[in-house]
């Protein structure tokens, strides 16, 4: 589980899934992770930028695809559970939570925060 300086996790592993809180930048020029950040309220988020515009669910779908690709999971394993119309979203990735958390840790290590 990845924690920021205040100890608030950007993701949480369960035995059969990984819940990830993200901050999305639509029309970001590329589909990629931009590291970790801490919001004004102290919550940690994984920053993701996507090329898609926030219209008709296109950006949400791009976020799902980007996260699935990075974690080696099918897109169907990634579900948006909160924040469909907001920049801050929660996604749940089905699979072994500990393994997925370790993979996300490796992907974000060294990324700009």
PDB file of N, CA and C in Angstrom:
ATOM      1  N   UNK A   1       0.858  -1.184   0.000  1.00  0.00           N
ATOM      2  CA  UNK A   1       0.000   0.000   0.000  1.00  0.00           C
ATOM      3  C   UNK A   1       0.891   1.231   0.000  1.00  0.00           C
ATOM      4  N   UNK A   2       0.617   2.175  -0.871  1.00  0.00           N
ATOM      5  CA  UNK A   2       1.431   3.374  -1.000  1.00  0.00           C
ATOM      6  C   UNK A   2       0.834   4.476  -0.158  1.00  0.00           C
ATOM      7  N   UNK A   3       1.650   5.119   0.683  1.00  0.00           N
ATOM      8  CA  UNK A   3       1.214   6.224   1.530  1.00  0.00           C
ATOM      9  C   UNK A   3       1.993   7.468   1.172  1.00  0.00           C
ATOM     10  N   UNK A   4       1.325   8.615   1.325  1.00  0.00           N
ATOM     11  CA  UNK A   4       2.042   9.881   1.144  1.00  0.00           C
ATOM     12  C   UNK A   4       2.651  10.262   2.478  1.00  0.00           C
ATOM     13  N   UNK A   5       3.192  11.458   2.585  1.00  0.00           N
ATOM     14  CA  UNK A   5       3.883  11.897   3.796  1.00  0.00           C
ATOM     15  C   UNK A   5       2.968  11.892   5.016  1.00  0.00           C
ATOM     16  N   UNK A   6       1.679  12.147   4.850  1.00  0.00           N
ATOM     17  CA  UNK A   6       0.755  12.160   5.969  1.00  0.00           C
ATOM     18  C   UNK A   6       0.216  10.769   6.284  1.00  0.00           C
ATOM     19  N   UNK A   7       0.568   9.775   5.480  1.00  0.00           N
ATOM     20  CA  UNK A   7       0.128   8.421   5.752  1.00  0.00           C
ATOM     21  C   UNK A   7      -1.235   8.069   5.171  1.00  0.00           C
ATOM     22  N   UNK A   8      -1.759   8.853   4.253  1.00  0.00           N
ATOM     23  CA  UNK A   8      -3.051   8.577   3.636  1.00  0.00           C
ATOM     24  C   UNK A   8      -2.797   7.844   2.323  1.00  0.00           C
ATOM     25  N   UNK A   9      -3.372   6.674   2.167  1.00  0.00           N
ATOM     26  CA  UNK A   9      -3.083   5.821   1.018  1.00  0.00           C
ATOM     27  C   UNK A   9      -3.791   6.283  -0.247  1.00  0.00           C
ATOM     28  N   UNK A  10      -3.090   6.229  -1.387  1.00  0.00           N
ATOM     29  CA  UNK A  10      -3.686   6.502  -2.690  1.00  0.00           C
ATOM     30  C   UNK A  10      -4.383   5.254  -3.209  1.00  0.00           C
ATOM     31  N   UNK A  11      -3.994   4.081  -2.710  1.00  0.00           N
ATOM     32  CA  UNK A  11      -4.670   2.853  -3.070  1.00  0.00           C
ATOM     33  C   UNK A  11      -4.711   1.929  -1.863  1.00  0.00           C
ATOM     34  N   UNK A  12      -5.652   0.995  -1.922  1.00  0.00           N
ATOM     35  CA  UNK A  12      -5.871   0.059  -0.820  1.00  0.00           C
ATOM     36  C   UNK A  12      -6.073  -1.330  -1.410  1.00  0.00           C
ATOM     37  N   UNK A  13      -5.279  -2.267  -0.930  1.00  0.00           N
ATOM     38  CA  UNK A  13      -5.366  -3.640  -1.412  1.00  0.00           C
ATOM     39  C   UNK A  13      -6.323  -4.446  -0.555  1.00  0.00           C
ATOM     40  N   UNK A  14      -7.107  -5.270  -1.198  1.00  0.00           N
ATOM     41  CA  UNK A  14      -7.946  -6.276  -0.555  1.00  0.00           C
ATOM     42  C   UNK A  14      -7.494  -7.618  -1.135  1.00  0.00           C
ATOM     43  N   UNK A  15      -7.912  -8.728  -0.560  1.00  0.00           N
ATOM     44  CA  UNK A  15      -7.460 -10.018  -1.093  1.00  0.00           C
ATOM     45  C   UNK A  15      -7.787 -10.231  -2.576  1.00  0.00           C
ATOM     46  N   UNK A  16      -8.930  -9.697  -3.026  1.00  0.00           N
ATOM     47  CA  UNK A  16      -9.356  -9.970  -4.396  1.00  0.00           C
ATOM     48  C   UNK A  16      -9.471  -8.728  -5.282  1.00  0.00           C
ATOM     49  N   UNK A  17      -8.918  -7.596  -4.837  1.00  0.00           N
ATOM     50  CA  UNK A  17      -9.026  -6.367  -5.643  1.00  0.00           C
ATOM     51  C   UNK A  17      -8.091  -5.291  -5.107  1.00  0.00           C
ATOM     52  N   UNK A  18      -7.972  -4.244  -5.888  1.00  0.00           N
ATOM     53  CA  UNK A  18      -7.203  -3.062  -5.506  1.00  0.00           C
ATOM     54  C   UNK A  18      -8.069  -1.841  -5.798  1.00  0.00           C
ATOM     55  N   UNK A  19      -8.322  -1.018  -4.776  1.00  0.00           N
ATOM     56  CA  UNK A  19      -9.070   0.233  -4.953  1.00  0.00           C
ATOM     57  C   UNK A  19      -8.062   1.355  -5.105  1.00  0.00           C
ATOM     58  N   UNK A  20      -8.227   2.174  -6.150  1.00  0.00           N
ATOM     59  CA  UNK A  20      -7.279   3.240  -6.458  1.00  0.00           C
ATOM     60  C   UNK A  20      -8.023   4.559  -6.586  1.00  0.00           C
ATOM     61  N   UNK A  21      -7.542   5.585  -5.869  1.00  0.00           N
ATOM     62  CA  UNK A  21      -8.101   6.939  -5.998  1.00  0.00           C
ATOM     63  C   UNK A  21      -7.196   7.699  -6.969  1.00  0.00           C
ATOM     64  N   UNK A  22      -7.798   8.268  -8.023  1.00  0.00           N
ATOM     65  CA  UNK A  22      -7.021   8.957  -9.054  1.00  0.00           C
ATOM     66  C   UNK A  22      -7.523  10.385  -9.242  1.00  0.00           C
ATOM     67  N   UNK A  23      -6.622  11.223  -9.729  1.00  0.00           N
ATOM     68  CA  UNK A  23      -6.979  12.575 -10.187  1.00  0.00           C
ATOM     69  C   UNK A  23      -6.689  12.589 -11.670  1.00  0.00           C
ATOM     70  N   UNK A  24      -7.715  12.823 -12.463  1.00  0.00           N
ATOM     71  CA  UNK A  24      -7.614  12.706 -13.918  1.00  0.00           C
ATOM     72  C   UNK A  24      -7.426  14.072 -14.572  1.00  0.00           C
ATOM     73  N   UNK A  25      -6.520  14.112 -15.534  1.00  0.00           N
ATOM     74  CA  UNK A  25      -6.353  15.284 -16.388  1.00  0.00           C
ATOM     75  C   UNK A  25      -6.767  14.875 -17.795  1.00  0.00           C
ATOM     76  N   UNK A  26      -7.996  15.235 -18.209  1.00  0.00           N
ATOM     77  CA  UNK A  26      -8.410  14.912 -19.572  1.00  0.00           C
ATOM     78  C   UNK A  26      -7.719  15.841 -20.572  1.00  0.00           C
ATOM     79  N   UNK A  27      -7.693  15.430 -21.831  1.00  0.00           N
ATOM     80  CA  UNK A  27      -7.001  16.188 -22.888  1.00  0.00           C
ATOM     81  C   UNK A  27      -5.552  16.473 -22.496  1.00  0.00           C
ATOM     82  N   UNK A  28      -4.913  15.468 -21.870  1.00  0.00           N
ATOM     83  CA  UNK A  28      -3.555  15.624 -21.354  1.00  0.00           C
ATOM     84  C   UNK A  28      -2.454  15.345 -22.359  1.00  0.00           C
ATOM     85  N   UNK A  29      -2.796  15.059 -23.608  1.00  0.00           N
ATOM     86  CA  UNK A  29      -1.786  14.869 -24.641  1.00  0.00           C
ATOM     87  C   UNK A  29      -1.255  13.450 -24.755  1.00  0.00           C
ATOM     88  N   UNK A  30      -1.396  12.649 -23.711  1.00  0.00           N
ATOM     89  CA  UNK A  30      -0.938  11.253 -23.732  1.00  0.00           C
ATOM     90  C   UNK A  30      -1.671  10.496 -22.636  1.00  0.00           C
ATOM     91  N   UNK A  31      -1.643   9.190 -22.712  1.00  0.00           N
ATOM     92  CA  UNK A  31      -2.234   8.353 -21.676  1.00  0.00           C
ATOM     93  C   UNK A  31      -1.101   7.845 -20.801  1.00  0.00           C
ATOM     94  N   UNK A  32      -0.991   8.375 -19.564  1.00  0.00           N
ATOM     95  CA  UNK A  32       0.140   8.009 -18.711  1.00  0.00           C
ATOM     96  C   UNK A  32      -0.111   8.396 -17.261  1.00  0.00           C
ATOM     97  N   UNK A  33       0.682   7.799 -16.375  1.00  0.00           N
ATOM     98  CA  UNK A  33       0.684   8.189 -14.979  1.00  0.00           C
ATOM     99  C   UNK A  33       1.573   9.402 -14.808  1.00  0.00           C
ATOM    100  N   UNK A  34       1.193  10.302 -13.897  1.00  0.00           N
ATOM    101  CA  UNK A  34       1.997  11.489 -13.597  1.00  0.00           C
ATOM    102  C   UNK A  34       2.450  11.507 -12.149  1.00  0.00           C
ATOM    103  N   UNK A  35       2.525  10.357 -11.514  1.00  0.00           N
ATOM    104  CA  UNK A  35       3.008  10.282 -10.143  1.00  0.00           C
ATOM    105  C   UNK A  35       1.896  10.381  -9.125  1.00  0.00           C
ATOM    106  N   UNK A  36       2.289  10.719  -7.911  1.00  0.00           N
ATOM    107  CA  UNK A  36       1.362  10.818  -6.788  1.00  0.00           C
ATOM    108  C   UNK A  36       1.250  12.263  -6.347  1.00  0.00           C
ATOM    109  N   UNK A  37       0.120  12.601  -5.754  1.00  0.00           N
ATOM    110  CA  UNK A  37      -0.076  13.960  -5.231  1.00  0.00           C
ATOM    111  C   UNK A  37      -0.936  13.876  -3.982  1.00  0.00           C
ATOM    112  N   UNK A  38      -0.898  14.939  -3.190  1.00  0.00           N
ATOM    113  CA  UNK A  38      -1.750  15.051  -2.010  1.00  0.00           C
ATOM    114  C   UNK A  38      -2.710  16.206  -2.247  1.00  0.00           C
ATOM    115  N   UNK A  39      -3.994  15.929  -2.094  1.00  0.00           N
ATOM    116  CA  UNK A  39      -5.024  16.958  -2.264  1.00  0.00           C
ATOM    117  C   UNK A  39      -5.037  17.887  -1.051  1.00  0.00           C
ATOM    118  N   UNK A  40      -5.729  19.001  -1.172  1.00  0.00           N
ATOM    119  CA  UNK A  40      -5.820  19.976  -0.082  1.00  0.00           C
ATOM    120  C   UNK A  40      -6.417  19.377   1.186  1.00  0.00           C
ATOM    121  N   UNK A  41      -7.286  18.375   1.029  1.00  0.00           N
ATOM    122  CA  UNK A  41      -7.900  17.746   2.205  1.00  0.00           C
ATOM    123  C   UNK A  41      -7.048  16.624   2.785  1.00  0.00           C
ATOM    124  N   UNK A  42      -5.847  16.420   2.249  1.00  0.00           N
ATOM    125  CA  UNK A  42      -4.921  15.431   2.782  1.00  0.00           C
ATOM    126  C   UNK A  42      -4.982  14.060   2.129  1.00  0.00           C
ATOM    127  N   UNK A  43      -5.946  13.833   1.236  1.00  0.00           N
ATOM    128  CA  UNK A  43      -6.030  12.542   0.559  1.00  0.00           C
ATOM    129  C   UNK A  43      -4.952  12.427  -0.503  1.00  0.00           C
ATOM    130  N   UNK A  44      -4.382  11.245  -0.619  1.00  0.00           N
ATOM    131  CA  UNK A  44      -3.397  10.980  -1.667  1.00  0.00           C
ATOM    132  C   UNK A  44      -4.118  10.474  -2.907  1.00  0.00           C
ATOM    133  N   UNK A  45      -3.603  10.825  -4.072  1.00  0.00           N
ATOM    134  CA  UNK A  45      -4.168  10.381  -5.343  1.00  0.00           C
ATOM    135  C   UNK A  45      -3.051   9.995  -6.298  1.00  0.00           C
ATOM    136  N   UNK A  46      -3.377   9.096  -7.204  1.00  0.00           N
ATOM    137  CA  UNK A  46      -2.515   8.771  -8.326  1.00  0.00           C
ATOM    138  C   UNK A  46      -2.946   9.682  -9.460  1.00  0.00           C
ATOM    139  N   UNK A  47      -2.016  10.454 -10.001  1.00  0.00           N
ATOM    140  CA  UNK A  47      -2.363  11.358 -11.097  1.00  0.00           C
ATOM    141  C   UNK A  47      -2.253  10.605 -12.422  1.00  0.00           C
ATOM    142  N   UNK A  48      -3.323  10.696 -13.216  1.00  0.00           N
ATOM    143  CA  UNK A  48      -3.364  10.070 -14.542  1.00  0.00           C
ATOM    144  C   UNK A  48      -3.810  11.120 -15.545  1.00  0.00           C
ATOM    145  N   UNK A  49      -3.102  11.180 -16.658  1.00  0.00           N
ATOM    146  CA  UNK A  49      -3.532  12.044 -17.761  1.00  0.00           C
ATOM    147  C   UNK A  49      -3.942  11.161 -18.923  1.00  0.00           C
ATOM    148  N   UNK A  50      -4.963  11.602 -19.636  1.00  0.00           N
ATOM    149  CA  UNK A  50      -5.440  10.862 -20.807  1.00  0.00           C
ATOM    150  C   UNK A  50      -5.673  11.839 -21.957  1.00  0.00           C
ATOM    151  N   UNK A  51      -5.558  11.329 -23.164  1.00  0.00           N
ATOM    152  CA  UNK A  51      -5.778  12.157 -24.355  1.00  0.00           C
ATOM    153  C   UNK A  51      -7.243  12.510 -24.541  1.00  0.00           C
ATOM    154  N   UNK A  52      -8.124  11.630 -24.121  1.00  0.00           N
ATOM    155  CA  UNK A  52      -9.562  11.777 -24.374  1.00  0.00           C
ATOM    156  C   UNK A  52     -10.152  12.996 -23.676  1.00  0.00           C
ATOM    157  N   UNK A  53     -11.171  13.552 -24.308  1.00  0.00           N
ATOM    158  CA  UNK A  53     -11.930  14.669 -23.715  1.00  0.00           C
ATOM    159  C   UNK A  53     -12.958  14.102 -22.739  1.00  0.00           C
ATOM    160  N   UNK A  54     -13.358  14.908 -21.759  1.00  0.00           N
ATOM    161  CA  UNK A  54     -14.350  14.432 -20.785  1.00  0.00           C
ATOM    162  C   UNK A  54     -15.772  14.522 -21.333  1.00  0.00           C
ATOM    163  N   UNK A  55     -16.008  13.859 -22.434  1.00  0.00           N
ATOM    164  CA  UNK A  55     -17.324  13.893 -23.088  1.00  0.00           C
ATOM    165  C   UNK A  55     -17.810  12.472 -23.329  1.00  0.00           C
ATOM    166  N   UNK A  56     -19.057  12.213 -22.989  1.00  0.00           N
ATOM    167  CA  UNK A  56     -19.694  10.923 -23.234  1.00  0.00           C
ATOM    168  C   UNK A  56     -18.917   9.748 -22.623  1.00  0.00           C
ATOM    169  N   UNK A  57     -18.247   9.977 -21.505  1.00  0.00           N
ATOM    170  CA  UNK A  57     -17.530   8.907 -20.822  1.00  0.00           C
ATOM    171  C   UNK A  57     -16.205   8.519 -21.446  1.00  0.00           C
ATOM    172  N   UNK A  58     -15.750   9.262 -22.447  1.00  0.00           N
ATOM    173  CA  UNK A  58     -14.511   8.902 -23.142  1.00  0.00           C
ATOM    174  C   UNK A  58     -13.296   8.963 -22.225  1.00  0.00           C
ATOM    175  N   UNK A  59     -13.202   9.978 -21.387  1.00  0.00           N
ATOM    176  CA  UNK A  59     -12.058  10.093 -20.480  1.00  0.00           C
ATOM    177  C   UNK A  59     -12.092   8.973 -19.438  1.00  0.00           C
ATOM    178  N   UNK A  60     -13.265   8.652 -18.926  1.00  0.00           N
ATOM    179  CA  UNK A  60     -13.369   7.551 -17.960  1.00  0.00           C
ATOM    180  C   UNK A  60     -12.904   6.236 -18.582  1.00  0.00           C
ATOM    181  N   UNK A  61     -13.310   5.985 -19.805  1.00  0.00           N
ATOM    182  CA  UNK A  61     -12.896   4.768 -20.496  1.00  0.00           C
ATOM    183  C   UNK A  61     -11.382   4.769 -20.716  1.00  0.00           C
ATOM    184  N   UNK A  62     -10.817   5.908 -21.056  1.00  0.00           N
ATOM    185  CA  UNK A  62      -9.367   6.003 -21.251  1.00  0.00           C
ATOM    186  C   UNK A  62      -8.621   5.741 -19.940  1.00  0.00           C
ATOM    187  N   UNK A  63      -9.158   6.229 -18.833  1.00  0.00           N
ATOM    188  CA  UNK A  63      -8.544   5.972 -17.517  1.00  0.00           C
ATOM    189  C   UNK A  63      -8.585   4.476 -17.228  1.00  0.00           C
ATOM    190  N   UNK A  64      -9.727   3.837 -17.454  1.00  0.00           N
ATOM    191  CA  UNK A  64      -9.843   2.391 -17.236  1.00  0.00           C
ATOM    192  C   UNK A  64      -8.818   1.634 -18.075  1.00  0.00           C
ATOM    193  N   UNK A  65      -8.713   1.996 -19.334  1.00  0.00           N
ATOM    194  CA  UNK A  65      -7.779   1.306 -20.236  1.00  0.00           C
ATOM    195  C   UNK A  65      -6.322   1.527 -19.819  1.00  0.00           C
ATOM    196  N   UNK A  66      -5.992   2.753 -19.428  1.00  0.00           N
ATOM    197  CA  UNK A  66      -4.619   3.069 -19.017  1.00  0.00           C
ATOM    198  C   UNK A  66      -4.235   2.275 -17.774  1.00  0.00           C
ATOM    199  N   UNK A  67      -5.114   2.240 -16.791  1.00  0.00           N
ATOM    200  CA  UNK A  67      -4.838   1.500 -15.559  1.00  0.00           C
ATOM    201  C   UNK A  67      -4.763   0.000 -15.829  1.00  0.00           C
ATOM    202  N   UNK A  68      -5.680  -0.516 -16.632  1.00  0.00           N
ATOM    203  CA  UNK A  68      -5.679  -1.947 -16.964  1.00  0.00           C
ATOM    204  C   UNK A  68      -4.389  -2.340 -17.683  1.00  0.00           C
ATOM    205  N   UNK A  69      -4.003  -1.558 -18.663  1.00  0.00           N
ATOM    206  CA  UNK A  69      -2.787  -1.854 -19.430  1.00  0.00           C
ATOM    207  C   UNK A  69      -1.558  -1.849 -18.521  1.00  0.00           C
ATOM    208  N   UNK A  70      -1.455  -0.853 -17.650  1.00  0.00           N
ATOM    209  CA  UNK A  70      -0.301  -0.725 -16.766  1.00  0.00           C
ATOM    210  C   UNK A  70      -0.198  -1.894 -15.787  1.00  0.00           C
ATOM    211  N   UNK A  71      -1.344  -2.426 -15.362  1.00  0.00           N
ATOM    212  CA  UNK A  71      -1.343  -3.506 -14.379  1.00  0.00           C
ATOM    213  C   UNK A  71      -1.462  -4.896 -15.005  1.00  0.00           C
ATOM    214  N   UNK A  72      -1.497  -4.948 -16.337  1.00  0.00           N
ATOM    215  CA  UNK A  72      -1.577  -6.233 -17.019  1.00  0.00           C
ATOM    216  C   UNK A  72      -2.902  -6.951 -16.801  1.00  0.00           C
ATOM    217  N   UNK A  73      -3.971  -6.191 -16.693  1.00  0.00           N
ATOM    218  CA  UNK A  73      -5.307  -6.743 -16.469  1.00  0.00           C
ATOM    219  C   UNK A  73      -6.191  -6.403 -17.664  1.00  0.00           C
ATOM    220  N   UNK A  74      -7.239  -7.198 -17.920  1.00  0.00           N
ATOM    221  CA  UNK A  74      -8.180  -6.826 -18.975  1.00  0.00           C
ATOM    222  C   UNK A  74      -8.981  -5.598 -18.543  1.00  0.00           C
ATOM    223  N   UNK A  75      -9.436  -4.821 -19.487  1.00  0.00           N
ATOM    224  CA  UNK A  75     -10.219  -3.619 -19.172  1.00  0.00           C
ATOM    225  C   UNK A  75     -11.457  -3.986 -18.362  1.00  0.00           C
ATOM    226  N   UNK A  76     -12.020  -5.158 -18.625  1.00  0.00           N
ATOM    227  CA  UNK A  76     -13.210  -5.593 -17.895  1.00  0.00           C
ATOM    228  C   UNK A  76     -12.943  -5.789 -16.401  1.00  0.00           C
ATOM    229  N   UNK A  77     -11.681  -5.895 -15.991  1.00  0.00           N
ATOM    230  CA  UNK A  77     -11.332  -6.060 -14.579  1.00  0.00           C
ATOM    231  C   UNK A  77     -11.274  -4.724 -13.838  1.00  0.00           C
ATOM    232  N   UNK A  78     -11.366  -3.612 -14.564  1.00  0.00           N
ATOM    233  CA  UNK A  78     -11.286  -2.279 -13.954  1.00  0.00           C
ATOM    234  C   UNK A  78     -12.667  -1.647 -13.984  1.00  0.00           C
ATOM    235  N   UNK A  79     -13.145  -1.265 -12.803  1.00  0.00           N
ATOM    236  CA  UNK A  79     -14.492  -0.721 -12.662  1.00  0.00           C
ATOM    237  C   UNK A  79     -14.429   0.641 -11.982  1.00  0.00           C
ATOM    238  N   UNK A  80     -15.096   1.624 -12.551  1.00  0.00           N
ATOM    239  CA  UNK A  80     -15.220   2.951 -11.945  1.00  0.00           C
ATOM    240  C   UNK A  80     -16.313   2.873 -10.887  1.00  0.00           C
ATOM    241  N   UNK A  81     -15.964   3.166  -9.624  1.00  0.00           N
ATOM    242  CA  UNK A  81     -16.949   3.042  -8.550  1.00  0.00           C
ATOM    243  C   UNK A  81     -17.390   4.382  -7.978  1.00  0.00           C
ATOM    244  N   UNK A  82     -16.645   5.454  -8.239  1.00  0.00           N
ATOM    245  CA  UNK A  82     -17.035   6.782  -7.734  1.00  0.00           C
ATOM    246  C   UNK A  82     -16.381   7.860  -8.587  1.00  0.00           C
ATOM    247  N   UNK A  83     -17.095   8.973  -8.774  1.00  0.00           N
ATOM    248  CA  UNK A  83     -16.532  10.124  -9.460  1.00  0.00           C
ATOM    249  C   UNK A  83     -16.685  10.141 -10.957  1.00  0.00           C
ATOM    250  N   UNK A  84     -17.747   9.584 -11.483  1.00  0.00           N
ATOM    251  CA  UNK A  84     -17.924   9.501 -12.939  1.00  0.00           C
ATOM    252  C   UNK A  84     -17.832  10.857 -13.626  1.00  0.00           C
ATOM    253  N   UNK A  85     -18.288  11.930 -12.977  1.00  0.00           N
ATOM    254  CA  UNK A  85     -18.261  13.256 -13.602  1.00  0.00           C
ATOM    255  C   UNK A  85     -17.271  14.197 -12.918  1.00  0.00           C
ATOM    256  N   UNK A  86     -16.428  13.672 -12.054  1.00  0.00           N
ATOM    257  CA  UNK A  86     -15.458  14.497 -11.319  1.00  0.00           C
ATOM    258  C   UNK A  86     -14.032  14.155 -11.740  1.00  0.00           C
ATOM    259  N   UNK A  87     -13.093  15.015 -11.413  1.00  0.00           N
ATOM    260  CA  UNK A  87     -11.687  14.724 -11.684  1.00  0.00           C
ATOM    261  C   UNK A  87     -11.137  13.671 -10.734  1.00  0.00           C
ATOM    262  N   UNK A  88     -11.638  13.661  -9.502  1.00  0.00           N
ATOM    263  CA  UNK A  88     -11.210  12.667  -8.520  1.00  0.00           C
ATOM    264  C   UNK A  88     -12.140  11.464  -8.640  1.00  0.00           C
ATOM    265  N   UNK A  89     -11.559  10.300  -8.907  1.00  0.00           N
ATOM    266  CA  UNK A  89     -12.336   9.091  -9.151  1.00  0.00           C
ATOM    267  C   UNK A  89     -11.772   7.949  -8.312  1.00  0.00           C
ATOM    268  N   UNK A  90     -12.608   6.967  -8.060  1.00  0.00           N
ATOM    269  CA  UNK A  90     -12.153   5.735  -7.433  1.00  0.00           C
ATOM    270  C   UNK A  90     -12.431   4.597  -8.399  1.00  0.00           C
ATOM    271  N   UNK A  91     -11.401   3.804  -8.646  1.00  0.00           N
ATOM    272  CA  UNK A  91     -11.529   2.640  -9.508  1.00  0.00           C
ATOM    273  C   UNK A  91     -11.131   1.407  -8.722  1.00  0.00           C
ATOM    274  N   UNK A  92     -11.768   0.298  -9.030  1.00  0.00           N
ATOM    275  CA  UNK A  92     -11.443  -0.973  -8.398  1.00  0.00           C
ATOM    276  C   UNK A  92     -10.958  -1.916  -9.491  1.00  0.00           C
ATOM    277  N   UNK A  93      -9.783  -2.519  -9.247  1.00  0.00           N
ATOM    278  CA  UNK A  93      -9.182  -3.456 -10.190  1.00  0.00           C
ATOM    279  C   UNK A  93      -9.300  -4.855  -9.591  1.00  0.00           C
ATOM    280  N   UNK A  94     -10.005  -5.738 -10.276  1.00  0.00           N
ATOM    281  CA  UNK A  94     -10.160  -7.113  -9.801  1.00  0.00           C
ATOM    282  C   UNK A  94      -8.866  -7.879 -10.007  1.00  0.00           C
ATOM    283  N   UNK A  95      -8.519  -8.691  -9.020  1.00  0.00           N
ATOM    284  CA  UNK A  95      -7.304  -9.488  -9.080  1.00  0.00           C
ATOM    285  C   UNK A  95      -6.683  -9.570  -7.705  1.00  0.00           C
ATOM    286  N   UNK A  96      -5.544 -10.190  -7.614  1.00  0.00           N
ATOM    287  CA  UNK A  96      -4.853 -10.326  -6.328  1.00  0.00           C
ATOM    288  C   UNK A  96      -4.362  -8.950  -5.872  1.00  0.00           C
ATOM    289  N   UNK A  97      -4.999  -8.427  -4.828  1.00  0.00           N
ATOM    290  CA  UNK A  97      -4.741  -7.062  -4.374  1.00  0.00           C
ATOM    291  C   UNK A  97      -3.295  -6.772  -4.037  1.00  0.00           C
ATOM    292  N   UNK A  98      -2.644  -7.683  -3.344  1.00  0.00           N
ATOM    293  CA  UNK A  98      -1.245  -7.470  -2.966  1.00  0.00           C
ATOM    294  C   UNK A  98      -0.328  -7.376  -4.171  1.00  0.00           C
ATOM    295  N   UNK A  99      -0.549  -8.256  -5.137  1.00  0.00           N
ATOM    296  CA  UNK A  99       0.280  -8.244  -6.356  1.00  0.00           C
ATOM    297  C   UNK A  99       0.036  -6.969  -7.170  1.00  0.00           C
ATOM    298  N   UNK A 100      -1.233  -6.559  -7.268  1.00  0.00           N
ATOM    299  CA  UNK A 100      -1.558  -5.345  -8.008  1.00  0.00           C
ATOM    300  C   UNK A 100      -0.974  -4.110  -7.315  1.00  0.00           C
ATOM    301  N   UNK A 101      -1.031  -4.074  -5.982  1.00  0.00           N
ATOM    302  CA  UNK A 101      -0.460  -2.951  -5.233  1.00  0.00           C
ATOM    303  C   UNK A 101       1.047  -2.873  -5.451  1.00  0.00           C
ATOM    304  N   UNK A 102       1.719  -4.012  -5.446  1.00  0.00           N
ATOM    305  CA  UNK A 102       3.162  -4.036  -5.680  1.00  0.00           C
ATOM    306  C   UNK A 102       3.493  -3.540  -7.092  1.00  0.00           C
ATOM    307  N   UNK A 103       2.691  -3.940  -8.070  1.00  0.00           N
ATOM    308  CA  UNK A 103       2.902  -3.481  -9.440  1.00  0.00           C
ATOM    309  C   UNK A 103       2.707  -1.979  -9.554  1.00  0.00           C
ATOM    310  N   UNK A 104       1.693  -1.463  -8.909  1.00  0.00           N
ATOM    311  CA  UNK A 104       1.440  -0.014  -8.950  1.00  0.00           C
ATOM    312  C   UNK A 104       2.551   0.745  -8.238  1.00  0.00           C
ATOM    313  N   UNK A 105       3.052   0.197  -7.158  1.00  0.00           N
ATOM    314  CA  UNK A 105       4.189   0.791  -6.442  1.00  0.00           C
ATOM    315  C   UNK A 105       5.408   0.897  -7.375  1.00  0.00           C
ATOM    316  N   UNK A 106       5.705  -0.174  -8.099  1.00  0.00           N
ATOM    317  CA  UNK A 106       6.830  -0.153  -9.043  1.00  0.00           C
ATOM    318  C   UNK A 106       6.615   0.882 -10.144  1.00  0.00           C
ATOM    319  N   UNK A 107       5.378   0.969 -10.643  1.00  0.00           N
ATOM    320  CA  UNK A 107       5.078   1.911 -11.730  1.00  0.00           C
ATOM    321  C   UNK A 107       5.205   3.356 -11.300  1.00  0.00           C
ATOM    322  N   UNK A 108       4.870   3.654 -10.046  1.00  0.00           N
ATOM    323  CA  UNK A 108       4.889   5.048  -9.607  1.00  0.00           C
ATOM    324  C   UNK A 108       6.201   5.457  -8.967  1.00  0.00           C
ATOM    325  N   UNK A 109       7.036   4.503  -8.624  1.00  0.00           N
ATOM    326  CA  UNK A 109       8.333   4.829  -8.030  1.00  0.00           C
ATOM    327  C   UNK A 109       9.142   5.641  -9.051  1.00  0.00           C
ATOM    328  N   UNK A 110       9.593   6.773  -8.644  1.00  0.00           N
ATOM    329  CA  UNK A 110      10.385   7.612  -9.526  1.00  0.00           C
ATOM    330  C   UNK A 110       9.584   8.531 -10.430  1.00  0.00           C
ATOM    331  N   UNK A 111       8.257   8.381 -10.453  1.00  0.00           N
ATOM    332  CA  UNK A 111       7.431   9.272 -11.269  1.00  0.00           C
ATOM    333  C   UNK A 111       7.334  10.629 -10.580  1.00  0.00           C
ATOM    334  N   UNK A 112       7.159  11.666 -11.359  1.00  0.00           N
ATOM    335  CA  UNK A 112       7.043  13.013 -10.792  1.00  0.00           C
ATOM    336  C   UNK A 112       5.804  13.098  -9.940  1.00  0.00           C
ATOM    337  N   UNK A 113       5.911  13.697  -8.780  1.00  0.00           N
ATOM    338  CA  UNK A 113       4.761  13.841  -7.882  1.00  0.00           C
ATOM    339  C   UNK A 113       4.185  15.221  -7.984  1.00  0.00           C
TER     340      UNK A 113
END
